[in-house]
C-alpha atoms as a PDB file:
ATOM      1  CA  UNK A   1      87.493 308.837 -85.869  1.00  0.00           C
ATOM      2  CA  UNK A   2      87.675 306.438 -82.893  1.00  0.00           C
ATOM      3  CA  UNK A   3      86.627 307.763 -79.436  1.00  0.00           C
ATOM      4  CA  UNK A   4      89.233 305.564 -77.781  1.00  0.00           C
ATOM      5  CA  UNK A   5      92.865 306.395 -78.708  1.00  0.00           C
ATOM      6  CA  UNK A   6      95.360 303.652 -77.773  1.00  0.00           C
ATOM      7  CA  UNK A   7      98.867 305.014 -77.236  1.00  0.00           C
ATOM      8  CA  UNK A   8     101.811 302.582 -77.354  1.00  0.00           C
ATOM      9  CA  UNK A   9     104.929 303.401 -75.281  1.00  0.00           C
ATOM     10  CA  UNK A  10     108.074 301.765 -74.024  1.00  0.00           C
ATOM     11  CA  UNK A  11     108.057 301.564 -70.194  1.00  0.00           C
ATOM     12  CA  UNK A  12     111.009 303.796 -69.598  1.00  0.00           C
ATOM     13  CA  UNK A  13     111.783 307.147 -68.023  1.00  0.00           C
ATOM     14  CA  UNK A  14     111.560 309.043 -71.317  1.00  0.00           C
ATOM     15  CA  UNK A  15     107.822 308.489 -71.299  1.00  0.00           C
ATOM     16  CA  UNK A  16     107.108 310.278 -67.978  1.00  0.00           C
ATOM     17  CA  UNK A  17     105.428 313.296 -69.662  1.00  0.00           C
ATOM     18  CA  UNK A  18     102.997 310.996 -71.291  1.00  0.00           C
ATOM     19  CA  UNK A  19     102.067 309.514 -67.879  1.00  0.00           C
ATOM     20  CA  UNK A  20     101.919 312.982 -66.424  1.00  0.00           C
ATOM     21  CA  UNK A  21      99.426 314.099 -69.224  1.00  0.00           C
ATOM     22  CA  UNK A  22      97.261 311.078 -68.536  1.00  0.00           C
ATOM     23  CA  UNK A  23      97.211 311.303 -64.751  1.00  0.00           C
ATOM     24  CA  UNK A  24      96.426 314.984 -64.935  1.00  0.00           C
ATOM     25  CA  UNK A  25      93.453 314.390 -67.356  1.00  0.00           C
ATOM     26  CA  UNK A  26      95.035 316.798 -69.985  1.00  0.00           C
ATOM     27  CA  UNK A  27      93.640 314.921 -72.927  1.00  0.00           C
ATOM     28  CA  UNK A  28      90.353 315.980 -74.354  1.00  0.00           C
ATOM     29  CA  UNK A  29      87.334 314.633 -72.417  1.00  0.00           C
ATOM     30  CA  UNK A  30      85.808 313.422 -75.696  1.00  0.00           C
ATOM     31  CA  UNK A  31      88.605 310.915 -76.067  1.00  0.00           C
ATOM     32  CA  UNK A  32      89.345 307.802 -73.966  1.00  0.00           C
ATOM     33  CA  UNK A  33      93.064 307.545 -73.782  1.00  0.00           C
ATOM     34  CA  UNK A  34      94.490 304.074 -73.097  1.00  0.00           C
ATOM     35  CA  UNK A  35      98.231 303.614 -72.500  1.00  0.00           C
ATOM     36  CA  UNK A  36      99.594 300.411 -73.865  1.00  0.00           C
ATOM     37  CA  UNK A  37     103.172 299.365 -72.675  1.00  0.00           C
ATOM     38  CA  UNK A  38     105.499 297.628 -75.130  1.00  0.00           C
ATOM     39  CA  UNK A  39     108.524 296.231 -73.225  1.00  0.00           C
ATOM     40  CA  UNK A  40     109.809 294.797 -76.570  1.00  0.00           C
ATOM     41  CA  UNK A  41     110.244 298.289 -78.019  1.00  0.00           C
ATOM     42  CA  UNK A  42     109.712 300.075 -81.127  1.00  0.00           C
ATOM     43  CA  UNK A  43     109.673 297.061 -83.524  1.00  0.00           C
ATOM     44  CA  UNK A  44     106.808 295.557 -81.639  1.00  0.00           C
ATOM     45  CA  UNK A  45     104.906 298.893 -81.826  1.00  0.00           C
ATOM     46  CA  UNK A  46     105.398 299.047 -85.528  1.00  0.00           C
ATOM     47  CA  UNK A  47     103.901 295.572 -85.836  1.00  0.00           C
ATOM     48  CA  UNK A  48     100.977 296.758 -83.614  1.00  0.00           C
ATOM     49  CA  UNK A  49     100.346 299.905 -85.609  1.00  0.00           C
ATOM     50  CA  UNK A  50     100.127 297.890 -88.807  1.00  0.00           C
ATOM     51  CA  UNK A  51      97.778 295.447 -87.173  1.00  0.00           C
ATOM     52  CA  UNK A  52      95.638 298.311 -85.995  1.00  0.00           C
ATOM     53  CA  UNK A  53      96.127 297.340 -82.350  1.00  0.00           C
ATOM     54  CA  UNK A  54      97.187 300.809 -81.384  1.00  0.00           C
ATOM     55  CA  UNK A  55      96.584 304.275 -82.728  1.00  0.00           C
ATOM     56  CA  UNK A  56      99.527 306.361 -81.652  1.00  0.00           C
ATOM     57  CA  UNK A  57     103.035 305.436 -80.364  1.00  0.00           C
ATOM     58  CA  UNK A  58     106.119 307.173 -78.938  1.00  0.00           C
ATOM     59  CA  UNK A  59     109.202 305.205 -79.963  1.00  0.00           C
ATOM     60  CA  UNK A  60     112.812 305.344 -81.169  1.00  0.00           C
ATOM     61  CA  UNK A  61     113.432 307.585 -84.162  1.00  0.00           C
ATOM     62  CA  UNK A  62     115.721 305.180 -86.057  1.00  0.00           C
ATOM     63  CA  UNK A  63     113.135 302.385 -85.703  1.00  0.00           C
ATOM     64  CA  UNK A  64     110.337 304.535 -87.135  1.00  0.00           C
ATOM     65  CA  UNK A  65     112.382 305.686 -90.101  1.00  0.00           C
ATOM     66  CA  UNK A  66     113.828 302.349 -90.956  1.00  0.00           C
ATOM     67  CA  UNK A  67     110.356 300.745 -90.756  1.00  0.00           C
ATOM     68  CA  UNK A  68     109.158 303.237 -93.429  1.00  0.00           C
ATOM     69  CA  UNK A  69     112.142 303.145 -95.714  1.00  0.00           C
ATOM     70  CA  UNK A  70     113.669 299.698 -95.687  1.00  0.00           C
ATOM     71  CA  UNK A  71     113.680 297.898 -99.061  1.00  0.00           C
ATOM     72  CA  UNK A  72     110.692 295.574 -98.073  1.00  0.00           C
ATOM     73  CA  UNK A  73     108.271 298.410 -97.653  1.00  0.00           C
ATOM     74  CA  UNK A  74     109.651 301.639 -99.116  1.00  0.00           C
ATOM     75  CA  UNK A  75     107.458 301.450-102.275  1.00  0.00           C
ATOM     76  CA  UNK A  76     104.269 300.567-100.451  1.00  0.00           C
ATOM     77  CA  UNK A  77     101.460 303.055 -99.970  1.00  0.00           C
ATOM     78  CA  UNK A  78     101.067 304.773 -96.619  1.00  0.00           C
ATOM     79  CA  UNK A  79      98.068 302.595 -95.870  1.00  0.00           C
ATOM     80  CA  UNK A  80     100.160 299.501 -96.456  1.00  0.00           C
ATOM     81  CA  UNK A  81     103.066 300.900 -94.342  1.00  0.00           C
ATOM     82  CA  UNK A  82     100.514 301.500 -91.568  1.00  0.00           C
ATOM     83  CA  UNK A  83     101.833 304.595 -89.984  1.00  0.00           C
ATOM     84  CA  UNK A  84     103.465 307.963 -90.410  1.00  0.00           C
ATOM     85  CA  UNK A  85     105.819 310.034 -88.185  1.00  0.00           C
ATOM     86  CA  UNK A  86     103.804 312.958 -86.923  1.00  0.00           C
ATOM     87  CA  UNK A  87     105.500 314.327 -83.874  1.00  0.00           C
ATOM     88  CA  UNK A  88     108.733 314.992 -81.994  1.00  0.00           C
ATOM     89  CA  UNK A  89     109.424 314.089 -78.350  1.00  0.00           C
ATOM     90  CA  UNK A  90     112.958 315.022 -77.339  1.00  0.00           C
ATOM     91  CA  UNK A  91     115.740 317.114 -78.758  1.00  0.00           C
ATOM     92  CA  UNK A  92     118.475 315.018 -77.193  1.00  0.00           C
ATOM     93  CA  UNK A  93     120.138 311.607 -78.161  1.00  0.00           C
ATOM     94  CA  UNK A  94     119.656 308.283 -76.489  1.00  0.00           C
ATOM     95  CA  UNK A  95     122.491 306.785 -74.484  1.00  0.00           C
ATOM     96  CA  UNK A  96     122.872 303.049 -75.338  1.00  0.00           C
ATOM     97  CA  UNK A  97     124.831 300.669 -73.205  1.00  0.00           C
ATOM     98  CA  UNK A  98     126.660 297.851 -74.978  1.00  0.00           C
ATOM     99  CA  UNK A  99     126.551 294.875 -72.688  1.00  0.00           C
ATOM    100  CA  UNK A 100     127.475 291.163 -72.534  1.00  0.00           C
ATOM    101  CA  UNK A 101     127.243 288.442 -69.942  1.00  0.00           C
ATOM    102  CA  UNK A 102     129.470 288.943 -66.799  1.00  0.00           C
ATOM    103  CA  UNK A 103     130.354 285.210 -67.412  1.00  0.00           C
ATOM    104  CA  UNK A 104     131.786 285.992 -70.820  1.00  0.00           C
ATOM    105  CA  UNK A 105     135.501 286.165 -70.010  1.00  0.00           C
ATOM    106  CA  UNK A 106     136.275 286.418 -73.724  1.00  0.00           C
ATOM    107  CA  UNK A 107     134.513 289.688 -74.192  1.00  0.00           C
ATOM    108  CA  UNK A 108     135.654 292.672 -72.314  1.00  0.00           C
ATOM    109  CA  UNK A 109     135.626 295.630 -74.643  1.00  0.00           C
ATOM    110  CA  UNK A 110     133.913 296.645 -77.889  1.00  0.00           C
ATOM    111  CA  UNK A 111     137.188 295.579 -79.756  1.00  0.00           C
ATOM    112  CA  UNK A 112     136.488 292.056 -78.671  1.00  0.00           C
ATOM    113  CA  UNK A 113     133.243 292.193 -80.658  1.00  0.00           C
ATOM    114  CA  UNK A 114     135.226 291.949 -83.836  1.00  0.00           C
ATOM    115  CA  UNK A 115     135.305 288.292 -83.270  1.00  0.00           C
ATOM    116  CA  UNK A 116     132.053 287.950 -81.380  1.00  0.00           C
ATOM    117  CA  UNK A 117     129.333 289.503 -83.540  1.00  0.00           C
ATOM    118  CA  UNK A 118     126.307 287.705 -82.567  1.00  0.00           C
ATOM    119  CA  UNK A 119     124.154 290.647 -81.456  1.00  0.00           C
ATOM    120  CA  UNK A 120     120.837 290.011 -79.635  1.00  0.00           C
ATOM    121  CA  UNK A 121     117.983 292.356 -80.676  1.00  0.00           C
ATOM    122  CA  UNK A 122     114.414 292.633 -79.392  1.00  0.00           C
ATOM    123  CA  UNK A 123     112.909 292.436 -82.873  1.00  0.00           C
ATOM    124  CA  UNK A 124     113.916 293.021 -86.494  1.00  0.00           C
ATOM    125  CA  UNK A 125     113.547 296.649 -87.388  1.00  0.00           C
ATOM    126  CA  UNK A 126     113.699 297.655 -83.682  1.00  0.00           C
ATOM    127  CA  UNK A 127     115.975 300.386 -82.283  1.00  0.00           C
ATOM    128  CA  UNK A 128     118.270 297.823 -80.815  1.00  0.00           C
ATOM    129  CA  UNK A 129     118.554 296.175 -84.301  1.00  0.00           C
ATOM    130  CA  UNK A 130     119.248 299.418 -86.174  1.00  0.00           C
ATOM    131  CA  UNK A 131     121.673 300.794 -83.638  1.00  0.00           C
ATOM    132  CA  UNK A 132     123.747 297.512 -83.835  1.00  0.00           C
ATOM    133  CA  UNK A 133     124.393 298.456 -87.488  1.00  0.00           C
ATOM    134  CA  UNK A 134     125.248 302.059 -86.558  1.00  0.00           C
ATOM    135  CA  UNK A 135     127.868 300.606 -84.130  1.00  0.00           C
ATOM    136  CA  UNK A 136     129.125 298.302 -86.883  1.00  0.00           C
ATOM    137  CA  UNK A 137     129.496 301.234 -89.210  1.00  0.00           C
ATOM    138  CA  UNK A 138     131.221 303.353 -86.558  1.00  0.00           C
ATOM    139  CA  UNK A 139     133.622 300.472 -85.728  1.00  0.00           C
ATOM    140  CA  UNK A 140     134.478 299.865 -89.462  1.00  0.00           C
ATOM    141  CA  UNK A 141     133.057 296.359 -89.468  1.00  0.00           C
ATOM    142  CA  UNK A 142     130.935 297.056 -92.416  1.00  0.00           C
ATOM    143  CA  UNK A 143     133.923 297.896 -94.547  1.00  0.00           C
ATOM    144  CA  UNK A 144     135.672 294.595 -93.438  1.00  0.00           C
ATOM    145  CA  UNK A 145     132.907 292.234 -94.555  1.00  0.00           C
ATOM    146  CA  UNK A 146     129.400 292.212 -95.935  1.00  0.00           C
ATOM    147  CA  UNK A 147     128.297 289.857 -93.040  1.00  0.00           C
ATOM    148  CA  UNK A 148     129.410 292.176 -90.281  1.00  0.00           C
ATOM    149  CA  UNK A 149     126.709 291.000 -87.698  1.00  0.00           C
ATOM    150  CA  UNK A 150     124.880 287.867 -86.893  1.00  0.00           C
ATOM    151  CA  UNK A 151     121.591 289.202 -85.822  1.00  0.00           C
ATOM    152  CA  UNK A 152     119.667 287.066 -83.194  1.00  0.00           C
ATOM    153  CA  UNK A 153     116.043 288.254 -82.397  1.00  0.00           C
ATOM    154  CA  UNK A 154     115.410 287.437 -78.777  1.00  0.00           C
ATOM    155  CA  UNK A 155     112.427 289.518 -77.612  1.00  0.00           C
ATOM    156  CA  UNK A 156     112.005 291.848 -74.513  1.00  0.00           C
ATOM    157  CA  UNK A 157     114.643 293.105 -72.276  1.00  0.00           C
ATOM    158  CA  UNK A 158     114.699 290.003 -69.930  1.00  0.00           C
ATOM    159  CA  UNK A 159     115.150 287.722 -72.945  1.00  0.00           C
ATOM    160  CA  UNK A 160     118.043 289.875 -74.148  1.00  0.00           C
ATOM    161  CA  UNK A 161     119.667 289.620 -70.793  1.00  0.00           C
ATOM    162  CA  UNK A 162     119.254 285.895 -70.629  1.00  0.00           C
ATOM    163  CA  UNK A 163     120.548 285.557 -74.159  1.00  0.00           C
ATOM    164  CA  UNK A 164     123.997 287.004 -73.401  1.00  0.00           C
ATOM    165  CA  UNK A 165     124.354 285.108 -70.124  1.00  0.00           C
ATOM    166  CA  UNK A 166     123.530 281.817 -71.938  1.00  0.00           C
ATOM    167  CA  UNK A 167     125.778 282.751 -74.892  1.00  0.00           C
ATOM    168  CA  UNK A 168     122.817 282.652 -77.349  1.00  0.00           C
ATOM    169  CA  UNK A 169     124.116 286.040 -78.320  1.00  0.00           C
ATOM    170  CA  UNK A 170     127.494 287.851 -77.680  1.00  0.00           C
ATOM    171  CA  UNK A 171     126.112 291.220 -76.826  1.00  0.00           C
ATOM    172  CA  UNK A 172     123.130 293.480 -77.041  1.00  0.00           C
ATOM    173  CA  UNK A 173     122.446 297.206 -76.654  1.00  0.00           C
ATOM    174  CA  UNK A 174     119.721 298.848 -74.534  1.00  0.00           C
ATOM    175  CA  UNK A 175     119.096 302.310 -72.868  1.00  0.00           C
ATOM    176  CA  UNK A 176     121.859 302.993 -70.379  1.00  0.00           C
ATOM    177  CA  UNK A 177     119.747 303.693 -67.193  1.00  0.00           C
ATOM    178  CA  UNK A 178     117.423 300.831 -67.855  1.00  0.00           C
ATOM    179  CA  UNK A 179     120.281 298.443 -68.107  1.00  0.00           C
ATOM    180  CA  UNK A 180     122.452 299.830 -65.276  1.00  0.00           C
ATOM    181  CA  UNK A 181     120.974 297.766 -62.420  1.00  0.00           C
ATOM    182  CA  UNK A 182     121.951 294.643 -64.276  1.00  0.00           C
ATOM    183  CA  UNK A 183     125.597 295.571 -64.805  1.00  0.00           C
ATOM    184  CA  UNK A 184     126.440 298.095 -62.079  1.00  0.00           C
ATOM    185  CA  UNK A 185     127.163 295.653 -59.120  1.00  0.00           C
ATOM    186  CA  UNK A 186     130.174 293.268 -59.226  1.00  0.00           C
ATOM    187  CA  UNK A 187     127.789 290.211 -58.821  1.00  0.00           C
ATOM    188  CA  UNK A 188     125.286 291.485 -61.443  1.00  0.00           C
ATOM    189  CA  UNK A 189     124.521 289.173 -64.473  1.00  0.00           C
ATOM    190  CA  UNK A 190     125.694 291.662 -67.151  1.00  0.00           C
ATOM    191  CA  UNK A 191     128.875 293.813 -67.739  1.00  0.00           C
ATOM    192  CA  UNK A 192     128.972 296.976 -69.734  1.00  0.00           C
ATOM    193  CA  UNK A 193     131.754 297.098 -72.416  1.00  0.00           C
ATOM    194  CA  UNK A 194     130.988 300.361 -74.071  1.00  0.00           C
ATOM    195  CA  UNK A 195     128.246 302.863 -75.000  1.00  0.00           C
ATOM    196  CA  UNK A 196     127.027 304.636 -78.052  1.00  0.00           C
ATOM    197  CA  UNK A 197     124.781 307.716 -78.594  1.00  0.00           C
ATOM    198  CA  UNK A 198     122.210 308.038 -81.362  1.00  0.00           C
ATOM    199  CA  UNK A 199     123.373 310.744 -83.816  1.00  0.00           C
ATOM    200  CA  UNK A 200     119.852 312.242 -83.705  1.00  0.00           C
ATOM    201  CA  UNK A 201     117.063 313.215 -81.235  1.00  0.00           C
ATOM    202  CA  UNK A 202     116.078 309.767 -79.898  1.00  0.00           C
ATOM    203  CA  UNK A 203     112.216 309.745 -79.692  1.00  0.00           C
ATOM    204  CA  UNK A 204     109.463 310.563 -82.173  1.00  0.00           C
ATOM    205  CA  UNK A 205     105.628 310.046 -82.388  1.00  0.00           C
ATOM    206  CA  UNK A 206     104.119 307.838 -84.960  1.00  0.00           C
ATOM    207  CA  UNK A 207     100.326 307.670 -85.854  1.00  0.00           C
ATOM    208  CA  UNK A 208      98.245 304.846 -87.472  1.00  0.00           C
ATOM    209  CA  UNK A 209      97.251 305.758 -91.031  1.00  0.00           C
ATOM    210  CA  UNK A 210      94.058 303.831 -90.409  1.00  0.00           C
ATOM    211  CA  UNK A 211      93.000 305.852 -87.363  1.00  0.00           C
ATOM    212  CA  UNK A 212      94.552 309.101 -88.541  1.00  0.00           C
ATOM    213  CA  UNK A 213      94.312 309.243 -92.471  1.00  0.00           C
ATOM    214  CA  UNK A 214      96.849 311.765 -93.804  1.00  0.00           C
ATOM    215  CA  UNK A 215      95.438 315.043 -94.910  1.00  0.00           C
ATOM    216  CA  UNK A 216      92.123 314.544 -93.177  1.00  0.00           C
ATOM    217  CA  UNK A 217      90.543 317.527 -91.439  1.00  0.00           C
ATOM    218  CA  UNK A 218      89.480 315.324 -88.455  1.00  0.00           C
ATOM    219  CA  UNK A 219      92.988 313.834 -88.278  1.00  0.00           C
ATOM    220  CA  UNK A 220      94.511 317.397 -87.897  1.00  0.00           C
ATOM    221  CA  UNK A 221      91.922 318.407 -85.390  1.00  0.00           C
ATOM    222  CA  UNK A 222      92.239 315.314 -83.010  1.00  0.00           C
ATOM    223  CA  UNK A 223      95.997 315.129 -83.335  1.00  0.00           C
ATOM    224  CA  UNK A 224      96.295 318.792 -82.572  1.00  0.00           C
ATOM    225  CA  UNK A 225      94.368 318.255 -79.342  1.00  0.00           C
ATOM    226  CA  UNK A 226      96.534 315.295 -78.364  1.00  0.00           C
ATOM    227  CA  UNK A 227      99.679 317.250 -79.162  1.00  0.00           C
ATOM    228  CA  UNK A 228      98.478 320.126 -76.901  1.00  0.00           C
ATOM    229  CA  UNK A 229      97.968 317.690 -74.077  1.00  0.00           C
ATOM    230  CA  UNK A 230     101.401 316.163 -74.545  1.00  0.00           C
ATOM    231  CA  UNK A 231     102.930 319.663 -74.551  1.00  0.00           C
ATOM    232  CA  UNK A 232     101.302 320.405 -71.302  1.00  0.00           C
ATOM    233  CA  UNK A 233     102.569 317.172 -69.831  1.00  0.00           C
ATOM    234  CA  UNK A 234     106.082 318.066 -70.865  1.00  0.00           C
ATOM    235  CA  UNK A 235     105.623 321.564 -69.377  1.00  0.00           C
ATOM    236  CA  UNK A 236     104.626 320.043 -65.945  1.00  0.00           C
ATOM    237  CA  UNK A 237     107.487 317.590 -66.128  1.00  0.00           C
ATOM    238  CA  UNK A 238     109.961 320.426 -66.742  1.00  0.00           C
ATOM    239  CA  UNK A 239     108.496 322.394 -63.893  1.00  0.00           C
ATOM    240  CA  UNK A 240     108.424 319.594 -61.344  1.00  0.00           C
ATOM    241  CA  UNK A 241     111.699 317.598 -61.499  1.00  0.00           C
ATOM    242  CA  UNK A 242     111.450 316.381 -57.998  1.00  0.00           C
ATOM    243  CA  UNK A 243     108.070 314.866 -58.732  1.00  0.00           C
ATOM    244  CA  UNK A 244     109.714 313.105 -61.756  1.00  0.00           C
ATOM    245  CA  UNK A 245     112.331 311.708 -59.457  1.00  0.00           C
ATOM    246  CA  UNK A 246     109.709 310.542 -57.084  1.00  0.00           C
ATOM    247  CA  UNK A 247     107.624 308.807 -59.792  1.00  0.00           C
ATOM    248  CA  UNK A 248     110.675 307.068 -61.102  1.00  0.00           C
ATOM    249  CA  UNK A 249     111.532 305.896 -57.578  1.00  0.00           C
ATOM    250  CA  UNK A 250     108.232 304.319 -56.912  1.00  0.00           C
ATOM    251  CA  UNK A 251     107.946 302.497 -60.203  1.00  0.00           C
ATOM    252  CA  UNK A 252     104.402 303.637 -60.728  1.00  0.00           C
ATOM    253  CA  UNK A 253     105.243 304.504 -64.412  1.00  0.00           C
ATOM    254  CA  UNK A 254     106.232 301.023 -65.202  1.00  0.00           C
ATOM    255  CA  UNK A 255     109.967 301.506 -64.686  1.00  0.00           C
ATOM    256  CA  UNK A 256     112.185 302.005 -61.561  1.00  0.00           C
ATOM    257  CA  UNK A 257     115.247 304.167 -61.040  1.00  0.00           C
ATOM    258  CA  UNK A 258     117.292 305.155 -58.149  1.00  0.00           C
ATOM    259  CA  UNK A 259     117.412 308.895 -57.198  1.00  0.00           C
ATOM    260  CA  UNK A 260     120.886 309.284 -58.323  1.00  0.00           C
ATOM    261  CA  UNK A 261     120.186 307.731 -61.751  1.00  0.00           C
ATOM    262  CA  UNK A 262     116.983 309.759 -62.201  1.00  0.00           C
ATOM    263  CA  UNK A 263     118.826 313.070 -61.444  1.00  0.00           C
ATOM    264  CA  UNK A 264     121.701 312.199 -63.685  1.00  0.00           C
ATOM    265  CA  UNK A 265     119.368 311.495 -66.504  1.00  0.00           C
ATOM    266  CA  UNK A 266     117.425 314.737 -65.843  1.00  0.00           C
ATOM    267  CA  UNK A 267     120.774 316.715 -66.358  1.00  0.00           C
ATOM    268  CA  UNK A 268     120.983 315.673 -69.927  1.00  0.00           C
ATOM    269  CA  UNK A 269     117.470 315.117 -71.263  1.00  0.00           C
ATOM    270  CA  UNK A 270     115.614 317.871 -73.012  1.00  0.00           C
ATOM    271  CA  UNK A 271     112.094 317.430 -74.250  1.00  0.00           C
ATOM    272  CA  UNK A 272     110.608 319.574 -77.066  1.00  0.00           C
ATOM    273  CA  UNK A 273     108.237 322.268 -76.120  1.00  0.00           C
ATOM    274  CA  UNK A 274     106.040 321.611 -79.223  1.00  0.00           C
ATOM    275  CA  UNK A 275     105.522 317.874 -80.021  1.00  0.00           C
ATOM    276  CA  UNK A 276     103.560 318.454 -83.317  1.00  0.00           C
ATOM    277  CA  UNK A 277     105.540 317.836 -86.494  1.00  0.00           C
ATOM    278  CA  UNK A 278     108.836 316.338 -87.704  1.00  0.00           C
ATOM    279  CA  UNK A 279     111.869 318.474 -88.506  1.00  0.00           C
ATOM    280  CA  UNK A 280     113.210 318.003 -92.039  1.00  0.00           C
ATOM    281  CA  UNK A 281     116.834 318.341 -91.144  1.00  0.00           C
ATOM    282  CA  UNK A 282     116.583 315.748 -88.394  1.00  0.00           C
ATOM    283  CA  UNK A 283     114.817 313.264 -90.767  1.00  0.00           C
ATOM    284  CA  UNK A 284     117.453 313.810 -93.425  1.00  0.00           C
ATOM    285  CA  UNK A 285     120.239 313.187 -90.894  1.00  0.00           C
ATOM    286  CA  UNK A 286     118.792 309.964 -89.805  1.00  0.00           C
ATOM    287  CA  UNK A 287     118.405 308.786 -93.414  1.00  0.00           C
ATOM    288  CA  UNK A 288     122.011 309.601 -94.213  1.00  0.00           C
ATOM    289  CA  UNK A 289     123.295 307.586 -91.223  1.00  0.00           C
ATOM    290  CA  UNK A 290     121.002 304.655 -91.822  1.00  0.00           C
ATOM    291  CA  UNK A 291     122.171 304.454 -95.447  1.00  0.00           C
ATOM    292  CA  UNK A 292     125.778 304.597 -94.344  1.00  0.00           C
ATOM    293  CA  UNK A 293     125.093 301.760 -91.797  1.00  0.00           C
ATOM    294  CA  UNK A 294     123.478 299.758 -94.528  1.00  0.00           C
ATOM    295  CA  UNK A 295     120.046 299.674 -92.752  1.00  0.00           C
ATOM    296  CA  UNK A 296     118.285 301.203 -95.769  1.00  0.00           C
ATOM    297  CA  UNK A 297     119.296 301.255 -99.455  1.00  0.00           C
ATOM    298  CA  UNK A 298     122.047 303.527-100.599  1.00  0.00           C
ATOM    299  CA  UNK A 299     119.780 305.285-103.116  1.00  0.00           C
ATOM    300  CA  UNK A 300     117.027 306.024-100.585  1.00  0.00           C
ATOM    301  CA  UNK A 301     115.916 309.613-100.372  1.00  0.00           C
ATOM    302  CA  UNK A 302     113.205 311.338 -98.404  1.00  0.00           C
ATOM    303  CA  UNK A 303     110.166 311.915-100.540  1.00  0.00           C
ATOM    304  CA  UNK A 304     106.648 313.326-100.186  1.00  0.00           C
ATOM    305  CA  UNK A 305     104.328 310.670 -99.161  1.00  0.00           C
ATOM    306  CA  UNK A 306     106.926 308.226 -97.706  1.00  0.00           C
ATOM    307  CA  UNK A 307     105.572 308.758 -94.230  1.00  0.00           C
ATOM    308  CA  UNK A 308     108.662 309.928 -92.616  1.00  0.00           C
ATOM    309  CA  UNK A 309     107.530 313.589 -92.321  1.00  0.00           C
ATOM    310  CA  UNK A 310     103.878 312.957 -91.869  1.00  0.00           C
ATOM    311  CA  UNK A 311     103.485 316.401 -90.431  1.00  0.00           C
ATOM    312  CA  UNK A 312     106.317 318.996 -91.074  1.00  0.00           C
ATOM    313  CA  UNK A 313     107.387 321.296 -88.263  1.00  0.00           C
END
């Protein structure tokens, strides 16, 4: 087991308890914890887990599940898949803003996307990619045509913003509060035309199968220590909401939010008290929606050894 554990994360407000755990030295002294930001999101972290560039990651639920069960990888071994889902992070959904360029006079509502279906995504297999198909399913576009969306991979958040203002893409979807500064003002480059919530708890924890081989005694021991540190970070976060608002206001966690936005987010978010393990019912619900949206095969079922429930709750 490596003495350095590299934890990938998206630099957003949902990762505050991770930063709190690190800055309060809650992780075991025997481990060197390195936090590695991934502005591009979950799809990039999947690539890095498989490339053995990181050891753990906290990312979007739908991205993790789709990455393990899509037709290209579902029959691979766990070592080939590169990761398993081992922990939970929140019990609440993610609020996605659906946005386009403010200069796009032809797009003013989600209904307009029926004829403007070039969706910008950070990476194939990312949360922004998967949720675009959940939106298409909810809107009935998948029933109308097999070619419901024209997916345009653009990269990190800035590239997504530039993509819709330059008409490389018609719209994209990103977390509401992260996107808000770019659509809130009348002279901002983006405009919000709708929103959608994930039909599941939005964040889970994935572990590299190289660093943390399943069913290994050392894996269980080290992950148990890391989960305990994360649980303590969440507890401190819950006990000190004003400090969370302060950190978000300074930008020291890699993201910046106004006090009003931070407090609005705090009203709705709920972190789990115990991060270890994945809930069977949650995983089954994600699979059902992803099948309906056409993200994974219609005959896909959860199975032992597929990596989705790497550690059961």
